[in-house]
Amino acid sequence: MIFHHPQFFLFALLIPLLLYYSKKRQNLALPFSSLDLLPAPSFSLAAAFYRFLPWFRALILLLFVMAMARPQRVTAEKEYTTKGVDIIISMDISGSMLAEDFKPENRLEVAKQEAVKFIRGRENDRIGLVVFARQAFTQCPLTLDYDVLTRLVKEIQIGMITDGTAIGMGLATAVNRLRTSDAKSKVIILISDGSNNAGKIDPVTAAELAKTFNIRVHTILIGRGGLVPFPVNDPLFGKRYVQAEVEVDEMGMKRIADITGGKYFRARDPQGLSDVYEQINKLEFSEIKVKEYRNYDELFPVFLIPALLLLGVEIFISRLVVLRLP
């Protein structure tokens, strides 16, 4: 509740003066030579009311002051207009993603975990998923159903597609999913740990295609580089590890980002990948416009009507019931 004219509360300062003046009048002495001349005192409703009359009048004045201050109840309604971002995560699932330099998991498992965290941190954005190795295909089209999307991310496994690294195809497939989007902002997050060695479309051509459709591509090159441990299933000794080096194309990933106006990131460990997603989350935010409407309900009748009723009661009792001495 608010008061539209709070300055009227200054009249409340008159209440103590009213009480003081009324009490002083009640205590005035009358010139009688002997109390025997007065009738014996007896209880009456009129006398009791006369004693509390100053407080009754103070209550009436307070109610009038409250009414003049014009109390109002404010109810606010907000209208939200959101413009989400359309995002495609294009993830490398080639055999090199089995490298276990992201202990205790391999590269793919960490990439999946961080992708799920990123998805759950978004609101009002349509997000889709593309996976690629020697070929590329859409694992999930653009959707607002994050539960379905995260389930499909978790189902990704190496071996779903013939081995290879077709970065250009992975990017082109993602572009194809976004080219008809009418979203104000369209983004591809391209995740890979190697260099392009398969596919009919090279990465630069795919990047130029993305630029044509005003799609930004943020590229993430994962892996620490150098010799990294790979699991090998030995028929005699079971699972063992061999050290191998994965060829990376850092300049190629940078160029894709530069062509499309995106950012290039390098993630050498799980925390590094988590930090990269945090940065992308801040770069790509949804636009939210808020319009607020306020409704004002007048509450002064709640105080004015009782004040008028009590004033009528006070006048009636004071004039007709309370006996005054001449």
C-alpha atoms as a PDB file:
ATOM      1  CA  MET A   1       0.000   0.000   0.000  1.00  0.00           C
ATOM      2  CA  ILE A   2       1.195   3.505  -0.841  1.00  0.00           C
ATOM      3  CA  PHE A   3      -0.135   6.988  -0.034  1.00  0.00           C
ATOM      4  CA  HIS A   4      -0.628   9.405  -2.931  1.00  0.00           C
ATOM      5  CA  HIS A   5      -0.772  12.485  -0.652  1.00  0.00           C
ATOM      6  CA  PRO A   6       1.389  11.650   2.381  1.00  0.00           C
ATOM      7  CA  GLN A   7       1.637  15.345   3.307  1.00  0.00           C
ATOM      8  CA  PHE A   8      -1.810  15.093   4.902  1.00  0.00           C
ATOM      9  CA  PHE A   9      -0.276  13.038   7.711  1.00  0.00           C
ATOM     10  CA  LEU A  10       0.864  16.386   9.128  1.00  0.00           C
ATOM     11  CA  PHE A  11      -2.721  16.845  10.324  1.00  0.00           C
ATOM     12  CA  ALA A  12      -2.166  13.870  12.624  1.00  0.00           C
ATOM     13  CA  LEU A  13      -0.051  16.221  14.744  1.00  0.00           C
ATOM     14  CA  LEU A  14      -3.326  17.836  15.831  1.00  0.00           C
ATOM     15  CA  ILE A  15      -4.418  14.674  17.636  1.00  0.00           C
ATOM     16  CA  PRO A  16      -2.213  15.177  20.749  1.00  0.00           C
ATOM     17  CA  LEU A  17      -3.403  18.819  20.931  1.00  0.00           C
ATOM     18  CA  LEU A  18      -7.012  17.672  20.689  1.00  0.00           C
ATOM     19  CA  LEU A  19      -6.539  15.174  23.517  1.00  0.00           C
ATOM     20  CA  TYR A  20      -4.778  17.745  25.690  1.00  0.00           C
ATOM     21  CA  TYR A  21      -7.459  20.409  25.152  1.00  0.00           C
ATOM     22  CA  SER A  22     -10.320  17.965  25.782  1.00  0.00           C
ATOM     23  CA  LYS A  23      -8.775  16.663  29.004  1.00  0.00           C
ATOM     24  CA  LYS A  24      -8.248  20.209  30.223  1.00  0.00           C
ATOM     25  CA  ARG A  25     -11.904  21.024  29.614  1.00  0.00           C
ATOM     26  CA  GLN A  26     -13.034  17.915  31.481  1.00  0.00           C
ATOM     27  CA  ASN A  27     -10.983  18.944  34.532  1.00  0.00           C
ATOM     28  CA  LEU A  28     -12.518  22.433  34.852  1.00  0.00           C
ATOM     29  CA  ALA A  29     -13.947  23.048  38.371  1.00  0.00           C
ATOM     30  CA  LEU A  30     -17.507  24.279  38.962  1.00  0.00           C
ATOM     31  CA  PRO A  31     -18.342  26.836  41.768  1.00  0.00           C
ATOM     32  CA  PHE A  32     -20.409  24.812  44.238  1.00  0.00           C
ATOM     33  CA  SER A  33     -20.167  25.756  47.931  1.00  0.00           C
ATOM     34  CA  SER A  34     -20.983  22.245  49.043  1.00  0.00           C
ATOM     35  CA  LEU A  35     -20.908  18.818  47.363  1.00  0.00           C
ATOM     36  CA  ASP A  36     -24.143  18.049  49.208  1.00  0.00           C
ATOM     37  CA  LEU A  37     -25.950  20.128  46.653  1.00  0.00           C
ATOM     38  CA  LEU A  38     -24.964  17.705  43.886  1.00  0.00           C
ATOM     39  CA  PRO A  39     -26.855  14.482  43.278  1.00  0.00           C
ATOM     40  CA  ALA A  40     -25.104  11.281  44.250  1.00  0.00           C
ATOM     41  CA  PRO A  41     -22.888  10.044  41.375  1.00  0.00           C
ATOM     42  CA  SER A  42     -24.146   6.997  39.571  1.00  0.00           C
ATOM     43  CA  PHE A  43     -22.850   5.065  36.580  1.00  0.00           C
ATOM     44  CA  SER A  44     -24.368   5.926  33.228  1.00  0.00           C
ATOM     45  CA  LEU A  45     -23.491   5.072  29.670  1.00  0.00           C
ATOM     46  CA  ALA A  46     -23.563   8.755  28.766  1.00  0.00           C
ATOM     47  CA  ALA A  47     -21.037   9.635  31.460  1.00  0.00           C
ATOM     48  CA  ALA A  48     -18.751   6.810  30.369  1.00  0.00           C
ATOM     49  CA  PHE A  49     -18.975   7.939  26.753  1.00  0.00           C
ATOM     50  CA  TYR A  50     -18.256  11.534  27.756  1.00  0.00           C
ATOM     51  CA  ARG A  51     -15.070  10.374  29.496  1.00  0.00           C
ATOM     52  CA  PHE A  52     -13.812   8.625  26.363  1.00  0.00           C
ATOM     53  CA  LEU A  53     -15.157  11.260  23.959  1.00  0.00           C
ATOM     54  CA  PRO A  54     -11.700  12.828  23.314  1.00  0.00           C
ATOM     55  CA  TRP A  55     -10.285   9.468  22.240  1.00  0.00           C
ATOM     56  CA  PHE A  56     -13.340   8.863  20.083  1.00  0.00           C
ATOM     57  CA  ARG A  57     -12.814  12.188  18.322  1.00  0.00           C
ATOM     58  CA  ALA A  58      -9.091  11.457  17.932  1.00  0.00           C
ATOM     59  CA  LEU A  59      -9.961   8.191  16.182  1.00  0.00           C
ATOM     60  CA  ILE A  60     -12.330  10.035  13.833  1.00  0.00           C
ATOM     61  CA  LEU A  61      -9.639  12.604  13.009  1.00  0.00           C
ATOM     62  CA  LEU A  62      -7.087   9.852  12.367  1.00  0.00           C
ATOM     63  CA  LEU A  63      -9.463   8.093   9.962  1.00  0.00           C
ATOM     64  CA  PHE A  64     -10.049  11.358   8.081  1.00  0.00           C
ATOM     65  CA  VAL A  65      -6.304  11.927   7.844  1.00  0.00           C
ATOM     66  CA  MET A  66      -5.799   8.413   6.461  1.00  0.00           C
ATOM     67  CA  ALA A  67      -8.535   9.003   3.878  1.00  0.00           C
ATOM     68  CA  MET A  68      -7.077  12.368   2.794  1.00  0.00           C
ATOM     69  CA  ALA A  69      -3.634  10.774   2.376  1.00  0.00           C
ATOM     70  CA  ARG A  70      -5.302   8.690  -0.362  1.00  0.00           C
ATOM     71  CA  PRO A  71      -4.070   5.151   0.276  1.00  0.00           C
ATOM     72  CA  GLN A  72      -3.693   2.967  -2.812  1.00  0.00           C
ATOM     73  CA  ARG A  73      -2.988  -0.686  -3.440  1.00  0.00           C
ATOM     74  CA  VAL A  74      -0.522  -1.159  -6.291  1.00  0.00           C
ATOM     75  CA  THR A  75      -0.489  -4.302  -8.395  1.00  0.00           C
ATOM     76  CA  ALA A  76       2.257  -4.632 -10.982  1.00  0.00           C
ATOM     77  CA  GLU A  77       2.130  -6.791 -14.084  1.00  0.00           C
ATOM     78  CA  LYS A  78       5.214  -7.533 -16.158  1.00  0.00           C
ATOM     79  CA  GLU A  79       5.283  -8.533 -19.794  1.00  0.00           C
ATOM     80  CA  TYR A  80       8.417 -10.333 -20.953  1.00  0.00           C
ATOM     81  CA  THR A  81       9.581 -10.433 -24.548  1.00  0.00           C
ATOM     82  CA  THR A  82      12.497 -12.778 -25.159  1.00  0.00           C
ATOM     83  CA  LYS A  83      14.681 -13.196 -28.206  1.00  0.00           C
ATOM     84  CA  GLY A  84      16.667 -16.383 -27.780  1.00  0.00           C
ATOM     85  CA  VAL A  85      19.799 -17.538 -29.562  1.00  0.00           C
ATOM     86  CA  ASP A  86      19.783 -20.521 -31.926  1.00  0.00           C
ATOM     87  CA  ILE A  87      22.821 -22.678 -31.144  1.00  0.00           C
ATOM     88  CA  ILE A  88      24.191 -25.828 -32.756  1.00  0.00           C
ATOM     89  CA  ILE A  89      26.883 -27.809 -30.941  1.00  0.00           C
ATOM     90  CA  SER A  90      28.966 -29.660 -33.545  1.00  0.00           C
ATOM     91  CA  MET A  91      31.059 -32.314 -31.794  1.00  0.00           C
ATOM     92  CA  ASP A  92      33.944 -34.440 -33.065  1.00  0.00           C
ATOM     93  CA  ILE A  93      33.455 -38.145 -32.227  1.00  0.00           C
ATOM     94  CA  SER A  94      36.468 -39.510 -34.097  1.00  0.00           C
ATOM     95  CA  GLY A  95      38.723 -42.168 -32.540  1.00  0.00           C
ATOM     96  CA  SER A  96      41.223 -39.581 -31.291  1.00  0.00           C
ATOM     97  CA  MET A  97      38.592 -38.379 -28.798  1.00  0.00           C
ATOM     98  CA  LEU A  98      39.381 -41.567 -26.833  1.00  0.00           C
ATOM     99  CA  ALA A  99      42.649 -39.996 -25.662  1.00  0.00           C
ATOM    100  CA  GLU A 100      42.751 -39.957 -21.863  1.00  0.00           C
ATOM    101  CA  ASP A 101      44.683 -36.759 -21.251  1.00  0.00           C
ATOM    102  CA  PHE A 102      41.539 -35.389 -19.577  1.00  0.00           C
ATOM    103  CA  LYS A 103      41.808 -37.722 -16.596  1.00  0.00           C
ATOM    104  CA  PRO A 104      39.866 -39.464 -15.185  1.00  0.00           C
ATOM    105  CA  GLU A 105      37.764 -39.430 -18.392  1.00  0.00           C
ATOM    106  CA  ASN A 106      38.613 -39.384 -22.069  1.00  0.00           C
ATOM    107  CA  ARG A 107      38.170 -36.282 -24.201  1.00  0.00           C
ATOM    108  CA  LEU A 108      34.733 -37.220 -25.495  1.00  0.00           C
ATOM    109  CA  GLU A 109      33.252 -37.904 -22.054  1.00  0.00           C
ATOM    110  CA  VAL A 110      34.492 -34.567 -20.720  1.00  0.00           C
ATOM    111  CA  ALA A 111      33.214 -32.786 -23.847  1.00  0.00           C
ATOM    112  CA  LYS A 112      29.784 -34.378 -23.318  1.00  0.00           C
ATOM    113  CA  GLN A 113      29.675 -33.453 -19.626  1.00  0.00           C
ATOM    114  CA  GLU A 114      30.563 -29.826 -20.294  1.00  0.00           C
ATOM    115  CA  ALA A 115      28.074 -29.633 -23.168  1.00  0.00           C
ATOM    116  CA  VAL A 116      25.310 -30.823 -20.827  1.00  0.00           C
ATOM    117  CA  LYS A 117      26.272 -28.197 -18.230  1.00  0.00           C
ATOM    118  CA  PHE A 118      26.218 -25.519 -20.928  1.00  0.00           C
ATOM    119  CA  ILE A 119      22.783 -26.600 -22.160  1.00  0.00           C
ATOM    120  CA  ARG A 120      21.310 -26.591 -18.658  1.00  0.00           C
ATOM    121  CA  GLY A 121      22.651 -23.094 -18.097  1.00  0.00           C
ATOM    122  CA  ARG A 122      20.742 -21.624 -21.035  1.00  0.00           C
ATOM    123  CA  GLU A 123      17.175 -20.288 -21.136  1.00  0.00           C
ATOM    124  CA  ASN A 124      14.878 -19.480 -24.055  1.00  0.00           C
ATOM    125  CA  ASP A 125      17.472 -20.675 -26.596  1.00  0.00           C
ATOM    126  CA  ARG A 126      16.902 -23.362 -29.186  1.00  0.00           C
ATOM    127  CA  ILE A 127      19.865 -25.729 -29.160  1.00  0.00           C
ATOM    128  CA  GLY A 128      20.709 -28.602 -31.499  1.00  0.00           C
ATOM    129  CA  LEU A 129      23.470 -31.192 -31.823  1.00  0.00           C
ATOM    130  CA  VAL A 130      25.569 -32.377 -34.769  1.00  0.00           C
ATOM    131  CA  VAL A 131      28.207 -35.124 -34.513  1.00  0.00           C
ATOM    132  CA  PHE A 132      30.907 -35.913 -37.022  1.00  0.00           C
ATOM    133  CA  ALA A 133      33.762 -38.312 -37.734  1.00  0.00           C
ATOM    134  CA  ARG A 134      34.285 -39.362 -41.381  1.00  0.00           C
ATOM    135  CA  GLN A 135      30.736 -38.178 -42.070  1.00  0.00           C
ATOM    136  CA  ALA A 136      28.401 -35.881 -40.169  1.00  0.00           C
ATOM    137  CA  PHE A 137      24.773 -36.142 -39.134  1.00  0.00           C
ATOM    138  CA  THR A 138      22.277 -34.337 -36.928  1.00  0.00           C
ATOM    139  CA  GLN A 139      21.900 -36.027 -33.553  1.00  0.00           C
ATOM    140  CA  CYS A 140      19.221 -33.532 -32.454  1.00  0.00           C
ATOM    141  CA  PRO A 141      17.584 -30.659 -34.381  1.00  0.00           C
ATOM    142  CA  LEU A 142      17.035 -27.262 -32.768  1.00  0.00           C
ATOM    143  CA  THR A 143      14.851 -27.694 -29.708  1.00  0.00           C
ATOM    144  CA  LEU A 144      13.763 -26.094 -26.463  1.00  0.00           C
ATOM    145  CA  ASP A 145      13.355 -29.519 -24.857  1.00  0.00           C
ATOM    146  CA  TYR A 146      16.640 -29.563 -22.952  1.00  0.00           C
ATOM    147  CA  ASP A 147      15.838 -32.886 -21.274  1.00  0.00           C
ATOM    148  CA  VAL A 148      15.662 -34.691 -24.615  1.00  0.00           C
ATOM    149  CA  LEU A 149      18.746 -32.868 -25.863  1.00  0.00           C
ATOM    150  CA  THR A 150      20.884 -33.741 -22.831  1.00  0.00           C
ATOM    151  CA  ARG A 151      19.811 -37.390 -23.110  1.00  0.00           C
ATOM    152  CA  LEU A 152      20.932 -37.451 -26.745  1.00  0.00           C
ATOM    153  CA  VAL A 153      24.250 -35.835 -25.809  1.00  0.00           C
ATOM    154  CA  LYS A 154      24.870 -38.549 -23.229  1.00  0.00           C
ATOM    155  CA  GLU A 155      24.122 -41.254 -25.820  1.00  0.00           C
ATOM    156  CA  ILE A 156      26.962 -40.153 -28.113  1.00  0.00           C
ATOM    157  CA  GLN A 157      29.587 -42.876 -28.527  1.00  0.00           C
ATOM    158  CA  ILE A 158      32.732 -43.244 -30.598  1.00  0.00           C
ATOM    159  CA  GLY A 159      32.071 -45.740 -33.381  1.00  0.00           C
ATOM    160  CA  MET A 160      28.636 -44.381 -34.284  1.00  0.00           C
ATOM    161  CA  ILE A 161      30.230 -43.181 -37.537  1.00  0.00           C
ATOM    162  CA  THR A 162      33.181 -44.502 -39.546  1.00  0.00           C
ATOM    163  CA  ASP A 163      36.400 -43.102 -38.121  1.00  0.00           C
ATOM    164  CA  GLY A 164      37.918 -39.930 -39.538  1.00  0.00           C
ATOM    165  CA  THR A 165      37.768 -36.180 -38.904  1.00  0.00           C
ATOM    166  CA  ALA A 166      35.547 -34.310 -41.352  1.00  0.00           C
ATOM    167  CA  ILE A 167      35.536 -30.881 -39.686  1.00  0.00           C
ATOM    168  CA  GLY A 168      34.221 -29.232 -42.852  1.00  0.00           C
ATOM    169  CA  MET A 169      31.284 -31.635 -43.040  1.00  0.00           C
ATOM    170  CA  GLY A 170      30.520 -31.201 -39.340  1.00  0.00           C
ATOM    171  CA  LEU A 171      30.448 -27.437 -39.790  1.00  0.00           C
ATOM    172  CA  ALA A 172      28.448 -27.534 -43.037  1.00  0.00           C
ATOM    173  CA  THR A 173      25.807 -29.806 -41.484  1.00  0.00           C
ATOM    174  CA  ALA A 174      25.439 -27.377 -38.581  1.00  0.00           C
ATOM    175  CA  VAL A 175      25.119 -24.455 -41.018  1.00  0.00           C
ATOM    176  CA  ASN A 176      22.386 -26.325 -42.873  1.00  0.00           C
ATOM    177  CA  ARG A 177      20.430 -26.603 -39.631  1.00  0.00           C
ATOM    178  CA  LEU A 178      20.686 -22.854 -38.972  1.00  0.00           C
ATOM    179  CA  ARG A 179      20.397 -21.346 -42.447  1.00  0.00           C
ATOM    180  CA  THR A 180      16.579 -21.094 -42.357  1.00  0.00           C
ATOM    181  CA  SER A 181      16.464 -19.861 -38.757  1.00  0.00           C
ATOM    182  CA  ASP A 182      14.923 -16.423 -38.220  1.00  0.00           C
ATOM    183  CA  ALA A 183      16.637 -15.976 -34.845  1.00  0.00           C
ATOM    184  CA  LYS A 184      18.402 -12.659 -34.330  1.00  0.00           C
ATOM    185  CA  SER A 185      21.574 -14.495 -33.317  1.00  0.00           C
ATOM    186  CA  LYS A 186      22.787 -17.823 -34.783  1.00  0.00           C
ATOM    187  CA  VAL A 187      25.803 -19.612 -33.330  1.00  0.00           C
ATOM    188  CA  ILE A 188      27.768 -22.817 -33.887  1.00  0.00           C
ATOM    189  CA  ILE A 189      30.082 -24.250 -31.236  1.00  0.00           C
ATOM    190  CA  LEU A 190      32.574 -26.445 -33.099  1.00  0.00           C
ATOM    191  CA  ILE A 191      34.508 -28.917 -30.920  1.00  0.00           C
ATOM    192  CA  SER A 192      37.399 -30.991 -32.274  1.00  0.00           C
ATOM    193  CA  ASP A 193      40.796 -32.327 -31.240  1.00  0.00           C
ATOM    194  CA  GLY A 194      42.376 -32.852 -34.653  1.00  0.00           C
ATOM    195  CA  SER A 195      42.709 -31.649 -38.218  1.00  0.00           C
ATOM    196  CA  ASN A 196      40.426 -32.146 -41.197  1.00  0.00           C
ATOM    197  CA  ASN A 197      41.272 -35.388 -43.028  1.00  0.00           C
ATOM    198  CA  ALA A 198      37.941 -36.479 -44.523  1.00  0.00           C
ATOM    199  CA  GLY A 199      34.759 -35.187 -46.105  1.00  0.00           C
ATOM    200  CA  LYS A 200      33.796 -33.477 -49.342  1.00  0.00           C
ATOM    201  CA  ILE A 201      33.695 -29.933 -47.909  1.00  0.00           C
ATOM    202  CA  ASP A 202      36.818 -28.300 -46.513  1.00  0.00           C
ATOM    203  CA  PRO A 203      36.534 -26.244 -43.295  1.00  0.00           C
ATOM    204  CA  VAL A 204      37.233 -22.862 -44.937  1.00  0.00           C
ATOM    205  CA  THR A 205      34.439 -23.352 -47.485  1.00  0.00           C
ATOM    206  CA  ALA A 206      32.065 -24.320 -44.686  1.00  0.00           C
ATOM    207  CA  ALA A 207      33.136 -21.226 -42.721  1.00  0.00           C
ATOM    208  CA  GLU A 208      32.440 -18.980 -45.710  1.00  0.00           C
ATOM    209  CA  LEU A 209      29.036 -20.615 -45.991  1.00  0.00           C
ATOM    210  CA  ALA A 210      28.356 -19.848 -42.320  1.00  0.00           C
ATOM    211  CA  LYS A 211      29.360 -16.236 -42.864  1.00  0.00           C
ATOM    212  CA  THR A 212      26.890 -15.976 -45.758  1.00  0.00           C
ATOM    213  CA  PHE A 213      24.049 -16.874 -43.383  1.00  0.00           C
ATOM    214  CA  ASN A 214      25.316 -14.557 -40.590  1.00  0.00           C
ATOM    215  CA  ILE A 215      26.276 -17.477 -38.373  1.00  0.00           C
ATOM    216  CA  ARG A 216      29.067 -17.036 -35.832  1.00  0.00           C
ATOM    217  CA  VAL A 217      31.280 -20.045 -35.202  1.00  0.00           C
ATOM    218  CA  HIS A 218      33.136 -20.425 -31.901  1.00  0.00           C
ATOM    219  CA  THR A 219      35.819 -23.090 -32.284  1.00  0.00           C
ATOM    220  CA  ILE A 220      37.211 -25.175 -29.422  1.00  0.00           C
ATOM    221  CA  LEU A 221      40.387 -27.208 -29.911  1.00  0.00           C
ATOM    222  CA  ILE A 222      40.644 -29.707 -27.058  1.00  0.00           C
ATOM    223  CA  GLY A 223      43.621 -31.745 -25.902  1.00  0.00           C
ATOM    224  CA  ARG A 224      46.924 -30.887 -24.285  1.00  0.00           C
ATOM    225  CA  GLY A 225      49.042 -31.705 -27.359  1.00  0.00           C
ATOM    226  CA  GLY A 226      52.163 -33.862 -27.672  1.00  0.00           C
ATOM    227  CA  LEU A 227      52.114 -37.529 -26.694  1.00  0.00           C
ATOM    228  CA  VAL A 228      48.892 -38.561 -25.003  1.00  0.00           C
ATOM    229  CA  PRO A 229      47.713 -41.935 -23.602  1.00  0.00           C
ATOM    230  CA  PHE A 230      45.333 -43.999 -25.752  1.00  0.00           C
ATOM    231  CA  PRO A 231      43.577 -47.146 -24.486  1.00  0.00           C
ATOM    232  CA  VAL A 232      44.245 -50.293 -26.498  1.00  0.00           C
ATOM    233  CA  ASN A 233      42.466 -53.634 -26.094  1.00  0.00           C
ATOM    234  CA  ASP A 234      45.185 -56.291 -26.150  1.00  0.00           C
ATOM    235  CA  PRO A 235      43.819 -59.841 -26.696  1.00  0.00           C
ATOM    236  CA  LEU A 236      46.491 -61.221 -24.340  1.00  0.00           C
ATOM    237  CA  PHE A 237      46.859 -58.560 -21.658  1.00  0.00           C
ATOM    238  CA  GLY A 238      43.508 -56.789 -21.869  1.00  0.00           C
ATOM    239  CA  LYS A 239      43.301 -53.001 -21.735  1.00  0.00           C
ATOM    240  CA  ARG A 240      46.590 -51.156 -21.846  1.00  0.00           C
ATOM    241  CA  TYR A 241      47.775 -47.707 -22.873  1.00  0.00           C
ATOM    242  CA  VAL A 242      50.045 -46.533 -25.646  1.00  0.00           C
ATOM    243  CA  GLN A 243      51.460 -43.051 -26.144  1.00  0.00           C
ATOM    244  CA  ALA A 244      50.469 -41.432 -29.435  1.00  0.00           C
ATOM    245  CA  GLU A 245      50.422 -37.945 -30.895  1.00  0.00           C
ATOM    246  CA  VAL A 246      47.328 -36.477 -32.529  1.00  0.00           C
ATOM    247  CA  GLU A 247      47.831 -34.061 -35.396  1.00  0.00           C
ATOM    248  CA  VAL A 248      46.052 -30.771 -34.710  1.00  0.00           C
ATOM    249  CA  ASP A 249      45.279 -27.817 -36.947  1.00  0.00           C
ATOM    250  CA  GLU A 250      45.229 -24.841 -34.613  1.00  0.00           C
ATOM    251  CA  MET A 251      45.571 -22.331 -37.441  1.00  0.00           C
ATOM    252  CA  GLY A 252      42.615 -23.907 -39.255  1.00  0.00           C
ATOM    253  CA  MET A 253      40.374 -23.643 -36.176  1.00  0.00           C
ATOM    254  CA  LYS A 254      41.425 -20.029 -35.671  1.00  0.00           C
ATOM    255  CA  ARG A 255      40.652 -19.220 -39.283  1.00  0.00           C
ATOM    256  CA  ILE A 256      37.139 -20.647 -39.046  1.00  0.00           C
ATOM    257  CA  ALA A 257      36.440 -18.414 -36.049  1.00  0.00           C
ATOM    258  CA  ASP A 258      37.968 -15.346 -37.723  1.00  0.00           C
ATOM    259  CA  ILE A 259      35.977 -15.764 -40.948  1.00  0.00           C
ATOM    260  CA  THR A 260      32.655 -15.981 -39.109  1.00  0.00           C
ATOM    261  CA  GLY A 261      33.298 -13.378 -36.417  1.00  0.00           C
ATOM    262  CA  GLY A 262      33.485 -15.974 -33.661  1.00  0.00           C
ATOM    263  CA  LYS A 263      36.130 -16.769 -31.052  1.00  0.00           C
ATOM    264  CA  TYR A 264      38.810 -19.453 -30.964  1.00  0.00           C
ATOM    265  CA  PHE A 265      39.485 -21.310 -27.709  1.00  0.00           C
ATOM    266  CA  ARG A 266      42.018 -23.911 -26.621  1.00  0.00           C
ATOM    267  CA  ALA A 267      41.090 -26.307 -23.815  1.00  0.00           C
ATOM    268  CA  ARG A 268      43.981 -28.410 -22.492  1.00  0.00           C
ATOM    269  CA  ASP A 269      42.173 -29.962 -19.515  1.00  0.00           C
ATOM    270  CA  PRO A 270      38.642 -30.402 -18.127  1.00  0.00           C
ATOM    271  CA  GLN A 271      38.716 -27.130 -16.198  1.00  0.00           C
ATOM    272  CA  GLY A 272      39.930 -25.327 -19.291  1.00  0.00           C
ATOM    273  CA  LEU A 273      36.982 -26.671 -21.288  1.00  0.00           C
ATOM    274  CA  SER A 274      34.590 -25.649 -18.521  1.00  0.00           C
ATOM    275  CA  ASP A 275      36.044 -22.130 -18.570  1.00  0.00           C
ATOM    276  CA  VAL A 276      35.631 -21.972 -22.353  1.00  0.00           C
ATOM    277  CA  TYR A 277      31.930 -22.789 -22.102  1.00  0.00           C
ATOM    278  CA  GLU A 278      31.558 -20.122 -19.409  1.00  0.00           C
ATOM    279  CA  GLN A 279      33.081 -17.538 -21.733  1.00  0.00           C
ATOM    280  CA  ILE A 280      30.811 -18.574 -24.599  1.00  0.00           C
ATOM    281  CA  ASN A 281      27.835 -18.428 -22.245  1.00  0.00           C
ATOM    282  CA  LYS A 282      28.653 -14.787 -21.525  1.00  0.00           C
ATOM    283  CA  LEU A 283      29.251 -13.949 -25.186  1.00  0.00           C
ATOM    284  CA  GLU A 284      25.936 -15.388 -26.366  1.00  0.00           C
ATOM    285  CA  PHE A 285      23.090 -14.099 -24.226  1.00  0.00           C
ATOM    286  CA  SER A 286      19.373 -13.877 -24.854  1.00  0.00           C
ATOM    287  CA  GLU A 287      17.721 -10.489 -25.201  1.00  0.00           C
ATOM    288  CA  ILE A 288      14.926  -9.949 -22.689  1.00  0.00           C
ATOM    289  CA  LYS A 289      12.655  -6.892 -22.762  1.00  0.00           C
ATOM    290  CA  VAL A 290      10.401  -6.199 -19.792  1.00  0.00           C
ATOM    291  CA  LYS A 291       7.346  -3.935 -19.800  1.00  0.00           C
ATOM    292  CA  GLU A 292       5.797  -3.212 -16.423  1.00  0.00           C
ATOM    293  CA  TYR A 293       2.188  -2.148 -15.971  1.00  0.00           C
ATOM    294  CA  ARG A 294       0.911  -0.766 -12.634  1.00  0.00           C
ATOM    295  CA  ASN A 295      -2.706  -0.782 -11.477  1.00  0.00           C
ATOM    296  CA  TYR A 296      -3.782   1.499  -8.636  1.00  0.00           C
ATOM    297  CA  ASP A 297      -6.802   0.595  -6.488  1.00  0.00           C
ATOM    298  CA  GLU A 298      -8.136   3.440  -4.337  1.00  0.00           C
ATOM    299  CA  LEU A 299      -8.511   2.476  -0.671  1.00  0.00           C
ATOM    300  CA  PHE A 300      -9.587   5.814   0.847  1.00  0.00           C
ATOM    301  CA  PRO A 301     -13.254   4.659   1.193  1.00  0.00           C
ATOM    302  CA  VAL A 302     -12.026   2.050   3.679  1.00  0.00           C
ATOM    303  CA  PHE A 303     -11.135   4.930   6.022  1.00  0.00           C
ATOM    304  CA  LEU A 304     -13.585   7.651   4.893  1.00  0.00           C
ATOM    305  CA  ILE A 305     -16.793   5.652   5.363  1.00  0.00           C
ATOM    306  CA  PRO A 306     -15.998   4.571   8.972  1.00  0.00           C
ATOM    307  CA  ALA A 307     -14.910   8.151   9.727  1.00  0.00           C
ATOM    308  CA  LEU A 308     -18.253   9.574   8.524  1.00  0.00           C
ATOM    309  CA  LEU A 309     -20.233   6.922  10.402  1.00  0.00           C
ATOM    310  CA  LEU A 310     -18.331   7.538  13.631  1.00  0.00           C
ATOM    311  CA  LEU A 311     -18.705  11.297  13.182  1.00  0.00           C
ATOM    312  CA  GLY A 312     -22.467  10.860  12.881  1.00  0.00           C
ATOM    313  CA  VAL A 313     -22.495   8.729  16.036  1.00  0.00           C
ATOM    314  CA  GLU A 314     -20.419  11.337  17.883  1.00  0.00           C
ATOM    315  CA  ILE A 315     -22.745  14.191  16.875  1.00  0.00           C
ATOM    316  CA  PHE A 316     -25.857  12.222  17.793  1.00  0.00           C
ATOM    317  CA  ILE A 317     -24.621  11.181  21.224  1.00  0.00           C
ATOM    318  CA  SER A 318     -23.062  14.561  22.014  1.00  0.00           C
ATOM    319  CA  ARG A 319     -26.232  16.499  21.145  1.00  0.00           C
ATOM    320  CA  LEU A 320     -28.985  14.177  22.290  1.00  0.00           C
ATOM    321  CA  VAL A 321     -27.632  11.771  24.876  1.00  0.00           C
ATOM    322  CA  VAL A 322     -24.794  13.324  26.848  1.00  0.00           C
ATOM    323  CA  LEU A 323     -26.276  15.607  29.494  1.00  0.00           C
ATOM    324  CA  ARG A 324     -24.414  18.832  29.935  1.00  0.00           C
ATOM    325  CA  LEU A 325     -24.523  21.002  32.998  1.00  0.00           C
ATOM    326  CA  PRO A 326     -25.718  24.586  32.404  1.00  0.00           C
END
